[in-house]
Amino acid sequence: MTLEQVNAALVAGKTVKHTHMGLSAEYRLSGVLTRYSPQTGWSYSLELRDLKADCVVIAALEDCEVCGND
C-alpha cells in the first residue's frame, strides 16, 4: 500500500484488510503514524480500528490493502 492509496482510502471511507501471520481482518483507518530517523529517513505505519471489536492495531503499510466501500 502506498501513501496515496492511504489518503484515497481515508477520504473515501474505505476499509483496509490487514494480514498478519496468515490471518486477515478488516479495519477502518484511524490514522497514520510518521517517524523520522537520521539513519533511515521517514517511516510510516497505519493506525487501524477493528470493525468488530473495539481495539486498535498498528500495522506496516506493506501488510495492508484497500478493500471495497463500507
PDB file of N, CA and C in Angstrom:
ATOM      1  N   MET A   1       0.835  -1.163   0.000  1.00  0.00           N
ATOM      2  CA  MET A   1       0.000   0.000   0.000  1.00  0.00           C
ATOM      3  C   MET A   1       0.889   1.237   0.000  1.00  0.00           C
ATOM      4  N   THR A   2       0.530   2.246  -0.772  1.00  0.00           N
ATOM      5  CA  THR A   2       1.292   3.490  -0.820  1.00  0.00           C
ATOM      6  C   THR A   2       0.579   4.570  -0.014  1.00  0.00           C
ATOM      7  N   LEU A   3       1.263   5.665   0.250  1.00  0.00           N
ATOM      8  CA  LEU A   3       0.636   6.771   0.974  1.00  0.00           C
ATOM      9  C   LEU A   3      -0.511   7.378   0.177  1.00  0.00           C
ATOM     10  N   GLU A   4      -0.416   7.383  -1.146  1.00  0.00           N
ATOM     11  CA  GLU A   4      -1.509   7.879  -1.983  1.00  0.00           C
ATOM     12  C   GLU A   4      -2.752   7.009  -1.819  1.00  0.00           C
ATOM     13  N   GLN A   5      -2.569   5.703  -1.746  1.00  0.00           N
ATOM     14  CA  GLN A   5      -3.692   4.794  -1.521  1.00  0.00           C
ATOM     15  C   GLN A   5      -4.282   4.990  -0.130  1.00  0.00           C
ATOM     16  N   VAL A   6      -3.436   5.250   0.844  1.00  0.00           N
ATOM     17  CA  VAL A   6      -3.907   5.513   2.201  1.00  0.00           C
ATOM     18  C   VAL A   6      -4.779   6.760   2.219  1.00  0.00           C
ATOM     19  N   ASN A   7      -4.304   7.839   1.595  1.00  0.00           N
ATOM     20  CA  ASN A   7      -5.080   9.082   1.540  1.00  0.00           C
ATOM     21  C   ASN A   7      -6.412   8.880   0.833  1.00  0.00           C
ATOM     22  N   ALA A   8      -6.401   8.181  -0.287  1.00  0.00           N
ATOM     23  CA  ALA A   8      -7.642   7.929  -1.021  1.00  0.00           C
ATOM     24  C   ALA A   8      -8.611   7.094  -0.193  1.00  0.00           C
ATOM     25  N   ALA A   9      -8.104   6.095   0.534  1.00  0.00           N
ATOM     26  CA  ALA A   9      -8.957   5.255   1.376  1.00  0.00           C
ATOM     27  C   ALA A   9      -9.556   6.061   2.523  1.00  0.00           C
ATOM     28  N   LEU A  10      -8.768   6.955   3.115  1.00  0.00           N
ATOM     29  CA  LEU A  10      -9.272   7.803   4.191  1.00  0.00           C
ATOM     30  C   LEU A  10     -10.383   8.711   3.696  1.00  0.00           C
ATOM     31  N   VAL A  11     -10.172   9.341   2.560  1.00  0.00           N
ATOM     32  CA  VAL A  11     -11.169  10.262   2.004  1.00  0.00           C
ATOM     33  C   VAL A  11     -12.444   9.528   1.615  1.00  0.00           C
ATOM     34  N   ALA A  12     -12.307   8.350   1.007  1.00  0.00           N
ATOM     35  CA  ALA A  12     -13.461   7.589   0.527  1.00  0.00           C
ATOM     36  C   ALA A  12     -14.134   6.767   1.617  1.00  0.00           C
ATOM     37  N   GLY A  13     -13.522   6.681   2.789  1.00  0.00           N
ATOM     38  CA  GLY A  13     -14.099   5.887   3.877  1.00  0.00           C
ATOM     39  C   GLY A  13     -14.029   4.390   3.638  1.00  0.00           C
ATOM     40  N   LYS A  14     -13.042   3.950   2.879  1.00  0.00           N
ATOM     41  CA  LYS A  14     -12.888   2.523   2.602  1.00  0.00           C
ATOM     42  C   LYS A  14     -12.225   1.808   3.776  1.00  0.00           C
ATOM     43  N   THR A  15     -12.437   0.514   3.838  1.00  0.00           N
ATOM     44  CA  THR A  15     -11.782  -0.289   4.861  1.00  0.00           C
ATOM     45  C   THR A  15     -10.467  -0.838   4.330  1.00  0.00           C
ATOM     46  N   VAL A  16      -9.663  -1.346   5.243  1.00  0.00           N
ATOM     47  CA  VAL A  16      -8.351  -1.886   4.909  1.00  0.00           C
ATOM     48  C   VAL A  16      -8.281  -3.314   5.434  1.00  0.00           C
ATOM     49  N   LYS A  17      -7.742  -4.218   4.615  1.00  0.00           N
ATOM     50  CA  LYS A  17      -7.511  -5.587   5.069  1.00  0.00           C
ATOM     51  C   LYS A  17      -6.060  -5.697   5.519  1.00  0.00           C
ATOM     52  N   HIS A  18      -5.880  -6.095   6.789  1.00  0.00           N
ATOM     53  CA  HIS A  18      -4.542  -6.268   7.343  1.00  0.00           C
ATOM     54  C   HIS A  18      -4.286  -7.763   7.519  1.00  0.00           C
ATOM     55  N   THR A  19      -3.174  -8.236   6.983  1.00  0.00           N
ATOM     56  CA  THR A  19      -2.805  -9.640   7.095  1.00  0.00           C
ATOM     57  C   THR A  19      -1.547  -9.753   7.949  1.00  0.00           C
ATOM     58  N   HIS A  20      -1.642 -10.612   8.968  1.00  0.00           N
ATOM     59  CA  HIS A  20      -0.503 -10.824   9.861  1.00  0.00           C
ATOM     60  C   HIS A  20      -0.456 -12.302  10.230  1.00  0.00           C
ATOM     61  N   MET A  21       0.663 -12.936   9.984  1.00  0.00           N
ATOM     62  CA  MET A  21       0.858 -14.362  10.275  1.00  0.00           C
ATOM     63  C   MET A  21      -0.234 -15.229   9.633  1.00  0.00           C
ATOM     64  N   GLY A  22      -0.620 -14.869   8.409  1.00  0.00           N
ATOM     65  CA  GLY A  22      -1.588 -15.660   7.667  1.00  0.00           C
ATOM     66  C   GLY A  22      -3.042 -15.369   7.988  1.00  0.00           C
ATOM     67  N   LEU A  23      -3.316 -14.526   8.970  1.00  0.00           N
ATOM     68  CA  LEU A  23      -4.688 -14.176   9.334  1.00  0.00           C
ATOM     69  C   LEU A  23      -5.010 -12.773   8.832  1.00  0.00           C
ATOM     70  N   SER A  24      -6.223 -12.618   8.265  1.00  0.00           N
ATOM     71  CA  SER A  24      -6.648 -11.328   7.743  1.00  0.00           C
ATOM     72  C   SER A  24      -7.912 -10.859   8.436  1.00  0.00           C
ATOM     73  N   ALA A  25      -8.038  -9.550   8.587  1.00  0.00           N
ATOM     74  CA  ALA A  25      -9.240  -8.941   9.147  1.00  0.00           C
ATOM     75  C   ALA A  25      -9.387  -7.554   8.534  1.00  0.00           C
ATOM     76  N   GLU A  26     -10.629  -7.037   8.559  1.00  0.00           N
ATOM     77  CA  GLU A  26     -10.884  -5.704   8.029  1.00  0.00           C
ATOM     78  C   GLU A  26     -10.878  -4.676   9.147  1.00  0.00           C
ATOM     79  N   TYR A  27     -10.322  -3.516   8.829  1.00  0.00           N
ATOM     80  CA  TYR A  27     -10.189  -2.429   9.787  1.00  0.00           C
ATOM     81  C   TYR A  27     -10.564  -1.117   9.128  1.00  0.00           C
ATOM     82  N   ARG A  28     -10.904  -0.141   9.946  1.00  0.00           N
ATOM     83  CA  ARG A  28     -11.121   1.218   9.484  1.00  0.00           C
ATOM     84  C   ARG A  28      -9.846   1.998   9.787  1.00  0.00           C
ATOM     85  N   LEU A  29      -9.368   2.785   8.823  1.00  0.00           N
ATOM     86  CA  LEU A  29      -8.182   3.621   9.034  1.00  0.00           C
ATOM     87  C   LEU A  29      -8.518   4.720  10.027  1.00  0.00           C
ATOM     88  N   SER A  30      -7.725   4.851  11.067  1.00  0.00           N
ATOM     89  CA  SER A  30      -7.967   5.923  12.026  1.00  0.00           C
ATOM     90  C   SER A  30      -6.789   6.881  12.132  1.00  0.00           C
ATOM     91  N   GLY A  31      -5.687   6.581  11.473  1.00  0.00           N
ATOM     92  CA  GLY A  31      -4.563   7.498  11.500  1.00  0.00           C
ATOM     93  C   GLY A  31      -3.328   6.940  10.823  1.00  0.00           C
ATOM     94  N   VAL A  32      -2.386   7.829  10.598  1.00  0.00           N
ATOM     95  CA  VAL A  32      -1.094   7.463  10.019  1.00  0.00           C
ATOM     96  C   VAL A  32      -0.010   7.961  10.972  1.00  0.00           C
ATOM     97  N   LEU A  33       0.875   7.072  11.355  1.00  0.00           N
ATOM     98  CA  LEU A  33       1.982   7.420  12.238  1.00  0.00           C
ATOM     99  C   LEU A  33       3.224   7.648  11.390  1.00  0.00           C
ATOM    100  N   THR A  34       3.883   8.765  11.600  1.00  0.00           N
ATOM    101  CA  THR A  34       5.112   9.056  10.859  1.00  0.00           C
ATOM    102  C   THR A  34       6.260   9.189  11.845  1.00  0.00           C
ATOM    103  N   ARG A  35       7.404   8.677  11.433  1.00  0.00           N
ATOM    104  CA  ARG A  35       8.612   8.751  12.250  1.00  0.00           C
ATOM    105  C   ARG A  35       9.776   9.147  11.350  1.00  0.00           C
ATOM    106  N   TYR A  36      10.709   9.885  11.920  1.00  0.00           N
ATOM    107  CA  TYR A  36      11.909  10.244  11.172  1.00  0.00           C
ATOM    108  C   TYR A  36      13.137   9.830  11.954  1.00  0.00           C
ATOM    109  N   SER A  37      14.059   9.206  11.257  1.00  0.00           N
ATOM    110  CA  SER A  37      15.338   8.833  11.830  1.00  0.00           C
ATOM    111  C   SER A  37      16.429   9.341  10.888  1.00  0.00           C
ATOM    112  N   PRO A  38      17.457   9.981  11.401  1.00  0.00           N
ATOM    113  CA  PRO A  38      18.537  10.450  10.535  1.00  0.00           C
ATOM    114  C   PRO A  38      19.214   9.314   9.759  1.00  0.00           C
ATOM    115  N   GLN A  39      19.210   8.108  10.328  1.00  0.00           N
ATOM    116  CA  GLN A  39      19.858   6.978   9.670  1.00  0.00           C
ATOM    117  C   GLN A  39      18.998   6.382   8.551  1.00  0.00           C
ATOM    118  N   THR A  40      17.687   6.286   8.764  1.00  0.00           N
ATOM    119  CA  THR A  40      16.829   5.595   7.792  1.00  0.00           C
ATOM    120  C   THR A  40      15.834   6.500   7.081  1.00  0.00           C
ATOM    121  N   GLY A  41      15.671   7.732   7.546  1.00  0.00           N
ATOM    122  CA  GLY A  41      14.704   8.644   6.922  1.00  0.00           C
ATOM    123  C   GLY A  41      13.303   8.443   7.488  1.00  0.00           C
ATOM    124  N   TRP A  42      12.305   8.749   6.670  1.00  0.00           N
ATOM    125  CA  TRP A  42      10.909   8.675   7.100  1.00  0.00           C
ATOM    126  C   TRP A  42      10.389   7.245   7.041  1.00  0.00           C
ATOM    127  N   SER A  43       9.568   6.892   8.030  1.00  0.00           N
ATOM    128  CA  SER A  43       8.863   5.613   8.008  1.00  0.00           C
ATOM    129  C   SER A  43       7.415   5.868   8.412  1.00  0.00           C
ATOM    130  N   TYR A  44       6.524   5.037   7.898  1.00  0.00           N
ATOM    131  CA  TYR A  44       5.089   5.227   8.107  1.00  0.00           C
ATOM    132  C   TYR A  44       4.450   3.932   8.584  1.00  0.00           C
ATOM    133  N   SER A  45       3.491   4.067   9.481  1.00  0.00           N
ATOM    134  CA  SER A  45       2.676   2.949   9.949  1.00  0.00           C
ATOM    135  C   SER A  45       1.228   3.412   9.962  1.00  0.00           C
ATOM    136  N   LEU A  46       0.310   2.459   9.935  1.00  0.00           N
ATOM    137  CA  LEU A  46      -1.106   2.780   9.952  1.00  0.00           C
ATOM    138  C   LEU A  46      -1.704   2.456  11.313  1.00  0.00           C
ATOM    139  N   GLU A  47      -2.564   3.329  11.783  1.00  0.00           N
ATOM    140  CA  GLU A  47      -3.353   3.057  12.975  1.00  0.00           C
ATOM    141  C   GLU A  47      -4.715   2.580  12.483  1.00  0.00           C
ATOM    142  N   LEU A  48      -5.074   1.358  12.839  1.00  0.00           N
ATOM    143  CA  LEU A  48      -6.302   0.736  12.350  1.00  0.00           C
ATOM    144  C   LEU A  48      -7.228   0.422  13.509  1.00  0.00           C
ATOM    145  N   ARG A  49      -8.534   0.649  13.321  1.00  0.00           N
ATOM    146  CA  ARG A  49      -9.530   0.299  14.330  1.00  0.00           C
ATOM    147  C   ARG A  49     -10.331  -0.892  13.821  1.00  0.00           C
ATOM    148  N   ASP A  50     -10.388  -1.933  14.633  1.00  0.00           N
ATOM    149  CA  ASP A  50     -11.100  -3.167  14.280  1.00  0.00           C
ATOM    150  C   ASP A  50     -12.580  -2.875  14.098  1.00  0.00           C
ATOM    151  N   LEU A  51     -13.193  -3.445  13.041  1.00  0.00           N
ATOM    152  CA  LEU A  51     -14.610  -3.221  12.769  1.00  0.00           C
ATOM    153  C   LEU A  51     -15.516  -3.974  13.734  1.00  0.00           C
ATOM    154  N   LYS A  52     -15.066  -5.097  14.272  1.00  0.00           N
ATOM    155  CA  LYS A  52     -15.913  -5.925  15.128  1.00  0.00           C
ATOM    156  C   LYS A  52     -15.624  -5.749  16.614  1.00  0.00           C
ATOM    157  N   ALA A  53     -14.409  -5.503  16.959  1.00  0.00           N
ATOM    158  CA  ALA A  53     -14.017  -5.320  18.364  1.00  0.00           C
ATOM    159  C   ALA A  53     -13.480  -3.905  18.523  1.00  0.00           C
ATOM    160  N   ASP A  54     -13.547  -3.401  19.721  1.00  0.00           N
ATOM    161  CA  ASP A  54     -13.076  -2.040  19.966  1.00  0.00           C
ATOM    162  C   ASP A  54     -11.600  -2.072  20.342  1.00  0.00           C
ATOM    163  N   CYS A  55     -10.756  -2.300  19.330  1.00  0.00           N
ATOM    164  CA  CYS A  55      -9.324  -2.322  19.582  1.00  0.00           C
ATOM    165  C   CYS A  55      -8.590  -1.625  18.443  1.00  0.00           C
ATOM    166  N   VAL A  56      -7.372  -1.230  18.717  1.00  0.00           N
ATOM    167  CA  VAL A  56      -6.541  -0.527  17.747  1.00  0.00           C
ATOM    168  C   VAL A  56      -5.325  -1.388  17.431  1.00  0.00           C
ATOM    169  N   VAL A  57      -4.953  -1.414  16.146  1.00  0.00           N
ATOM    170  CA  VAL A  57      -3.789  -2.167  15.678  1.00  0.00           C
ATOM    171  C   VAL A  57      -2.871  -1.194  14.945  1.00  0.00           C
ATOM    172  N   ILE A  58      -1.580  -1.299  15.176  1.00  0.00           N
ATOM    173  CA  ILE A  58      -0.586  -0.528  14.431  1.00  0.00           C
ATOM    174  C   ILE A  58       0.029  -1.483  13.416  1.00  0.00           C
ATOM    175  N   ALA A  59      -0.049  -1.125  12.127  1.00  0.00           N
ATOM    176  CA  ALA A  59       0.384  -2.035  11.068  1.00  0.00           C
ATOM    177  C   ALA A  59       1.294  -1.322  10.075  1.00  0.00           C
ATOM    178  N   ALA A  60       2.171  -2.086   9.467  1.00  0.00           N
ATOM    179  CA  ALA A  60       3.036  -1.570   8.411  1.00  0.00           C
ATOM    180  C   ALA A  60       2.234  -1.408   7.119  1.00  0.00           C
ATOM    181  N   LEU A  61       2.623  -0.452   6.301  1.00  0.00           N
ATOM    182  CA  LEU A  61       1.934  -0.219   5.031  1.00  0.00           C
ATOM    183  C   LEU A  61       1.911  -1.468   4.163  1.00  0.00           C
ATOM    184  N   GLU A  62       3.013  -2.198   4.143  1.00  0.00           N
ATOM    185  CA  GLU A  62       3.101  -3.355   3.250  1.00  0.00           C
ATOM    186  C   GLU A  62       2.238  -4.531   3.698  1.00  0.00           C
ATOM    187  N   ASP A  63       1.700  -4.481   4.910  1.00  0.00           N
ATOM    188  CA  ASP A  63       0.835  -5.556   5.413  1.00  0.00           C
ATOM    189  C   ASP A  63      -0.644  -5.275   5.188  1.00  0.00           C
ATOM    190  N   CYS A  64      -0.961  -4.196   4.476  1.00  0.00           N
ATOM    191  CA  CYS A  64      -2.360  -3.772   4.308  1.00  0.00           C
ATOM    192  C   CYS A  64      -2.716  -3.599   2.839  1.00  0.00           C
ATOM    193  N   GLU A  65      -4.020  -3.744   2.559  1.00  0.00           N
ATOM    194  CA  GLU A  65      -4.545  -3.459   1.224  1.00  0.00           C
ATOM    195  C   GLU A  65      -5.937  -2.889   1.365  1.00  0.00           C
ATOM    196  N   VAL A  66      -6.323  -2.019   0.413  1.00  0.00           N
ATOM    197  CA  VAL A  66      -7.616  -1.362   0.458  1.00  0.00           C
ATOM    198  C   VAL A  66      -8.704  -2.331   0.023  1.00  0.00           C
ATOM    199  N   CYS A  67      -9.820  -2.338   0.790  1.00  0.00           N
ATOM    200  CA  CYS A  67     -10.991  -3.160   0.445  1.00  0.00           C
ATOM    201  C   CYS A  67     -12.030  -2.268  -0.232  1.00  0.00           C
ATOM    202  N   GLY A  68     -13.203  -2.815  -0.489  1.00  0.00           N
ATOM    203  CA  GLY A  68     -14.291  -2.071  -1.090  1.00  0.00           C
ATOM    204  C   GLY A  68     -14.925  -1.093  -0.116  1.00  0.00           C
ATOM    205  N   ASN A  69     -15.956  -0.405  -0.572  1.00  0.00           N
ATOM    206  CA  ASN A  69     -16.668   0.572   0.256  1.00  0.00           C
ATOM    207  C   ASN A  69     -17.461  -0.103   1.365  1.00  0.00           C
ATOM    208  N   ASP A  70     -17.534   0.554   2.496  1.00  0.00           N
ATOM    209  CA  ASP A  70     -18.345   0.100   3.633  1.00  0.00           C
ATOM    210  C   ASP A  70     -19.064   1.282   4.212  1.00  0.00           C
TER     211      ASP A  70
END
